[in-house]
C-alpha atoms as a PDB file:
ATOM      1  CA  MET A   1       0.000   0.000   0.000  1.00  0.00           C
ATOM      2  CA  ALA A   2       1.428   3.410  -0.897  1.00  0.00           C
ATOM      3  CA  THR A   3       0.527   6.354   1.286  1.00  0.00           C
ATOM      4  CA  ALA A   4       1.676   9.947   0.960  1.00  0.00           C
ATOM      5  CA  MET A   5       3.202  11.290   4.167  1.00  0.00           C
ATOM      6  CA  ASN A   6       5.020  14.445   5.171  1.00  0.00           C
ATOM      7  CA  ASN A   7       8.066  13.851   7.331  1.00  0.00           C
ATOM      8  CA  GLY A   8       8.429  17.547   8.249  1.00  0.00           C
ATOM      9  CA  THR A   9      11.826  18.145   6.666  1.00  0.00           C
ATOM     10  CA  ASN A  10      12.057  16.493   3.253  1.00  0.00           C
ATOM     11  CA  GLY A  11       8.551  17.019   1.922  1.00  0.00           C
ATOM     12  CA  PRO A  12       6.100  14.296   0.899  1.00  0.00           C
ATOM     13  CA  THR A  13       7.237  10.682   0.759  1.00  0.00           C
ATOM     14  CA  THR A  14       5.529   7.552  -0.553  1.00  0.00           C
ATOM     15  CA  ASP A  15       5.796   3.823  -0.930  1.00  0.00           C
ATOM     16  CA  PHE A  16       6.319   2.005   2.302  1.00  0.00           C
ATOM     17  CA  LYS A  17       7.015  -1.597   1.253  1.00  0.00           C
ATOM     18  CA  GLU A  18       7.050  -4.705   3.377  1.00  0.00           C
ATOM     19  CA  PHE A  19       6.858  -8.441   2.825  1.00  0.00           C
ATOM     20  CA  ARG A  20       7.426 -11.599   4.834  1.00  0.00           C
ATOM     21  CA  VAL A  21       8.247 -15.198   4.044  1.00  0.00           C
ATOM     22  CA  ILE A  22       7.281 -17.585   6.835  1.00  0.00           C
ATOM     23  CA  GLU A  23       7.913 -21.304   7.275  1.00  0.00           C
ATOM     24  CA  ASN A  24       6.466 -23.253  10.192  1.00  0.00           C
ATOM     25  CA  LEU A  25       7.029 -26.924  10.987  1.00  0.00           C
ATOM     26  CA  THR A  26       5.503 -28.875  13.866  1.00  0.00           C
ATOM     27  CA  TRP A  27       6.172 -32.456  14.883  1.00  0.00           C
ATOM     28  CA  SER A  28       5.155 -35.162  17.279  1.00  0.00           C
ATOM     29  CA  VAL A  29       7.775 -37.883  16.835  1.00  0.00           C
ATOM     30  CA  LEU A  30       6.920 -39.874  19.953  1.00  0.00           C
ATOM     31  CA  PRO A  31       3.975 -39.725  22.347  1.00  0.00           C
ATOM     32  CA  ASP A  32       6.238 -37.904  24.824  1.00  0.00           C
ATOM     33  CA  VAL A  33       7.940 -35.431  22.460  1.00  0.00           C
ATOM     34  CA  SER A  34       6.464 -32.677  20.301  1.00  0.00           C
ATOM     35  CA  GLY A  35       7.774 -29.402  19.005  1.00  0.00           C
ATOM     36  CA  GLY A  36       7.779 -26.599  16.542  1.00  0.00           C
ATOM     37  CA  LEU A  37      10.251 -24.728  14.373  1.00  0.00           C
ATOM     38  CA  PHE A  38       9.700 -21.441  12.580  1.00  0.00           C
ATOM     39  CA  LEU A  39      11.755 -19.263  10.250  1.00  0.00           C
ATOM     40  CA  VAL A  40      10.785 -15.771   9.105  1.00  0.00           C
ATOM     41  CA  TYR A  41      12.415 -13.397   6.626  1.00  0.00           C
ATOM     42  CA  GLN A  42      11.018  -9.858   6.494  1.00  0.00           C
ATOM     43  CA  TYR A  43      11.925  -6.888   4.317  1.00  0.00           C
ATOM     44  CA  LYS A  44      10.872  -3.374   5.309  1.00  0.00           C
ATOM     45  CA  GLY A  45      11.381  -0.473   2.892  1.00  0.00           C
ATOM     46  CA  PHE A  46      10.651   2.904   4.435  1.00  0.00           C
ATOM     47  CA  PRO A  47       9.716   6.091   2.539  1.00  0.00           C
ATOM     48  CA  ASN A  48      13.012   7.809   3.492  1.00  0.00           C
ATOM     49  CA  SER A  49      15.148   5.252   1.571  1.00  0.00           C
ATOM     50  CA  LEU A  50      15.966   3.346   4.750  1.00  0.00           C
ATOM     51  CA  SER A  51      15.424  -0.402   4.517  1.00  0.00           C
ATOM     52  CA  ALA A  52      15.686  -3.276   6.943  1.00  0.00           C
ATOM     53  CA  ASN A  53      16.107  -7.022   6.567  1.00  0.00           C
ATOM     54  CA  VAL A  54      14.894  -9.075   9.514  1.00  0.00           C
ATOM     55  CA  LEU A  55      15.726 -12.760  10.014  1.00  0.00           C
ATOM     56  CA  THR A  56      13.981 -14.613  12.832  1.00  0.00           C
ATOM     57  CA  GLY A  57      14.122 -18.237  13.917  1.00  0.00           C
ATOM     58  CA  GLY A  58      12.700 -20.232  16.767  1.00  0.00           C
ATOM     59  CA  LEU A  59      12.642 -23.765  18.086  1.00  0.00           C
ATOM     60  CA  ARG A  60      10.277 -25.080  20.778  1.00  0.00           C
ATOM     61  CA  PRO A  61      10.648 -28.730  21.785  1.00  0.00           C
ATOM     62  CA  ALA A  62       8.385 -30.066  24.549  1.00  0.00           C
ATOM     63  CA  TYR A  63       8.679 -33.197  26.660  1.00  0.00           C
ATOM     64  CA  HIS A  64       5.327 -34.525  27.906  1.00  0.00           C
ATOM     65  CA  VAL A  65       5.818 -35.996  31.369  1.00  0.00           C
ATOM     66  CA  SER A  66       2.124 -36.969  31.484  1.00  0.00           C
ATOM     67  CA  ASP A  67      -1.180 -36.057  29.833  1.00  0.00           C
ATOM     68  CA  TYR A  68      -1.363 -33.079  32.197  1.00  0.00           C
ATOM     69  CA  PHE A  69       2.221 -31.803  32.462  1.00  0.00           C
ATOM     70  CA  LYS A  70       4.966 -30.944  29.975  1.00  0.00           C
ATOM     71  CA  VAL A  71       8.231 -29.028  29.975  1.00  0.00           C
ATOM     72  CA  ALA A  72       8.912 -26.779  26.992  1.00  0.00           C
ATOM     73  CA  LEU A  73      12.152 -25.106  25.958  1.00  0.00           C
ATOM     74  CA  ASP A  74      11.896 -22.096  23.666  1.00  0.00           C
ATOM     75  CA  LEU A  75      14.944 -20.879  21.706  1.00  0.00           C
ATOM     76  CA  PHE A  76      14.560 -17.650  19.711  1.00  0.00           C
ATOM     77  CA  TYR A  77      16.987 -15.571  17.636  1.00  0.00           C
ATOM     78  CA  GLN A  78      16.391 -12.385  15.645  1.00  0.00           C
ATOM     79  CA  MET A  79      18.742 -10.192  13.625  1.00  0.00           C
ATOM     80  CA  GLU A  80      17.793  -6.926  11.933  1.00  0.00           C
ATOM     81  CA  SER A  81      20.179  -5.193   9.530  1.00  0.00           C
ATOM     82  CA  PHE A  82      19.696  -1.749   8.020  1.00  0.00           C
ATOM     83  CA  SER A  83      20.824   0.092   4.893  1.00  0.00           C
ATOM     84  CA  GLY A  84      20.170   3.407   3.212  1.00  0.00           C
ATOM     85  CA  GLY A  85      21.140   6.110   5.676  1.00  0.00           C
ATOM     86  CA  ASN A  86      20.287   4.649   9.067  1.00  0.00           C
ATOM     87  CA  PRO A  87      22.027   6.684  11.817  1.00  0.00           C
ATOM     88  CA  ASN A  88      22.831   3.359  13.555  1.00  0.00           C
ATOM     89  CA  PRO A  89      23.874   1.037  10.688  1.00  0.00           C
ATOM     90  CA  ASP A  90      24.982  -1.853  12.930  1.00  0.00           C
ATOM     91  CA  SER A  91      22.862  -4.995  12.878  1.00  0.00           C
ATOM     92  CA  GLN A  92      20.735  -5.529  15.955  1.00  0.00           C
ATOM     93  CA  SER A  93      20.416  -9.021  17.385  1.00  0.00           C
ATOM     94  CA  LEU A  94      18.515 -10.730  20.176  1.00  0.00           C
ATOM     95  CA  LEU A  95      18.851 -14.234  21.622  1.00  0.00           C
ATOM     96  CA  LYS A  96      16.154 -15.507  23.992  1.00  0.00           C
ATOM     97  CA  ILE A  97      15.916 -18.794  25.900  1.00  0.00           C
ATOM     98  CA  THR A  98      12.817 -19.779  27.882  1.00  0.00           C
ATOM     99  CA  LEU A  99      12.165 -22.784  30.112  1.00  0.00           C
ATOM    100  CA  ALA A 100       8.440 -23.386  30.715  1.00  0.00           C
ATOM    101  CA  PRO A 101       6.975 -26.075  32.968  1.00  0.00           C
ATOM    102  CA  THR A 102       3.359 -26.318  31.813  1.00  0.00           C
ATOM    103  CA  PHE A 103       0.122 -27.800  33.135  1.00  0.00           C
ATOM    104  CA  THR A 104      -2.521 -28.722  30.565  1.00  0.00           C
ATOM    105  CA  LEU A 105      -6.008 -30.211  30.603  1.00  0.00           C
ATOM    106  CA  GLY A 106      -6.160 -31.269  26.978  1.00  0.00           C
ATOM    107  CA  GLY A 107      -3.652 -34.121  26.756  1.00  0.00           C
ATOM    108  CA  ARG A 108      -0.363 -34.281  24.911  1.00  0.00           C
ATOM    109  CA  GLY A 109       0.649 -32.150  21.941  1.00  0.00           C
ATOM    110  CA  LEU A 110       2.293 -28.839  21.116  1.00  0.00           C
ATOM    111  CA  TYR A 111      -0.983 -26.944  20.626  1.00  0.00           C
ATOM    112  CA  THR A 112      -3.009 -28.591  23.387  1.00  0.00           C
ATOM    113  CA  ARG A 113      -5.027 -25.997  25.277  1.00  0.00           C
ATOM    114  CA  PRO A 114      -5.963 -24.778  27.844  1.00  0.00           C
ATOM    115  CA  GLU A 115      -2.636 -24.584  29.608  1.00  0.00           C
ATOM    116  CA  LEU A 116      -1.053 -22.832  32.554  1.00  0.00           C
ATOM    117  CA  ARG A 117       2.580 -22.070  31.782  1.00  0.00           C
ATOM    118  CA  PHE A 118       5.198 -20.912  34.263  1.00  0.00           C
ATOM    119  CA  PHE A 119       8.327 -19.534  32.651  1.00  0.00           C
ATOM    120  CA  VAL A 120      11.775 -18.156  33.196  1.00  0.00           C
ATOM    121  CA  THR A 121      13.314 -16.313  30.245  1.00  0.00           C
ATOM    122  CA  TYR A 122      16.859 -15.115  29.664  1.00  0.00           C
ATOM    123  CA  GLY A 123      17.569 -12.675  26.848  1.00  0.00           C
ATOM    124  CA  ALA A 124      20.788 -11.193  25.497  1.00  0.00           C
ATOM    125  CA  TRP A 125      21.201  -8.531  22.841  1.00  0.00           C
ATOM    126  CA  ASN A 126      24.122  -6.734  21.217  1.00  0.00           C
ATOM    127  CA  ASP A 127      25.291  -3.108  21.580  1.00  0.00           C
ATOM    128  CA  ALA A 128      23.235  -1.870  18.612  1.00  0.00           C
ATOM    129  CA  ALA A 129      20.005  -3.335  20.002  1.00  0.00           C
ATOM    130  CA  ALA A 130      20.766  -2.007  23.497  1.00  0.00           C
ATOM    131  CA  ALA A 131      21.375   1.505  22.113  1.00  0.00           C
ATOM    132  CA  THR A 132      18.158   1.483  20.080  1.00  0.00           C
ATOM    133  CA  ASN A 133      16.010   0.072  22.862  1.00  0.00           C
ATOM    134  CA  SER A 134      17.441   2.423  25.474  1.00  0.00           C
ATOM    135  CA  ALA A 135      16.794   5.445  23.287  1.00  0.00           C
ATOM    136  CA  SER A 136      13.285   4.484  22.215  1.00  0.00           C
ATOM    137  CA  LEU A 137      12.055   2.976  25.470  1.00  0.00           C
ATOM    138  CA  GLY A 138      13.485   5.453  27.963  1.00  0.00           C
ATOM    139  CA  GLN A 139      16.117   2.975  29.169  1.00  0.00           C
ATOM    140  CA  GLY A 140      13.679   0.038  29.097  1.00  0.00           C
ATOM    141  CA  ALA A 141      13.218  -2.563  31.800  1.00  0.00           C
ATOM    142  CA  PHE A 142      16.909  -3.500  31.805  1.00  0.00           C
ATOM    143  CA  GLY A 143      18.396  -0.008  31.525  1.00  0.00           C
ATOM    144  CA  THR A 144      21.605  -0.084  29.525  1.00  0.00           C
ATOM    145  CA  ASP A 145      22.296  -3.765  30.244  1.00  0.00           C
ATOM    146  CA  LYS A 146      22.737  -6.119  27.312  1.00  0.00           C
ATOM    147  CA  SER A 147      21.059  -9.081  28.976  1.00  0.00           C
ATOM    148  CA  GLY A 148      18.375  -9.832  31.504  1.00  0.00           C
ATOM    149  CA  ALA A 149      15.986 -12.396  32.887  1.00  0.00           C
ATOM    150  CA  SER A 150      12.288 -12.413  33.647  1.00  0.00           C
ATOM    151  CA  PHE A 151       9.806 -14.901  35.029  1.00  0.00           C
ATOM    152  CA  GLY A 152       6.078 -15.246  35.292  1.00  0.00           C
ATOM    153  CA  ALA A 153       2.998 -17.275  34.510  1.00  0.00           C
ATOM    154  CA  GLN A 154       0.620 -17.325  31.562  1.00  0.00           C
ATOM    155  CA  TYR A 155      -2.763 -18.959  31.097  1.00  0.00           C
ATOM    156  CA  GLU A 156      -3.731 -19.695  27.526  1.00  0.00           C
ATOM    157  CA  VAL A 157      -7.011 -20.989  26.137  1.00  0.00           C
ATOM    158  CA  TRP A 158      -8.243 -21.121  22.543  1.00  0.00           C
ATOM    159  CA  PHE A 159     -11.821 -21.158  21.316  1.00  0.00           C
END
């Protein structure tokens, strides 16, 4: 979709372009093991000649201890690189690892719902991502650190 905008300094601009290619694979190789893998490539072309390429990948294996309890491990990586006049041309990257003991009422399987998931997540990002996040988020939850951990619980149900 092309939309005319005025950026305040360079006059009208047009033609924001974006597309994604997504691949998703799920498996259940044994009654006790299921999982998912996804890969995403995204291109973003902004009206000011800046463009970004984003590569994202994730892996989530789960071990089903019983019909009502599983342990999932979530591995996630994302890299975003810029070209065309970005003031911060360095690629930004994020690595995230989550361990999630999970209670479920629906039996075994990756997409079995409802579920109550407890999690602990560790994330690490590079200097470029830390600088961008600190500037845009007012120092963010982790300030100027380049790594951090969080924990919590999530209830999920699908209709």
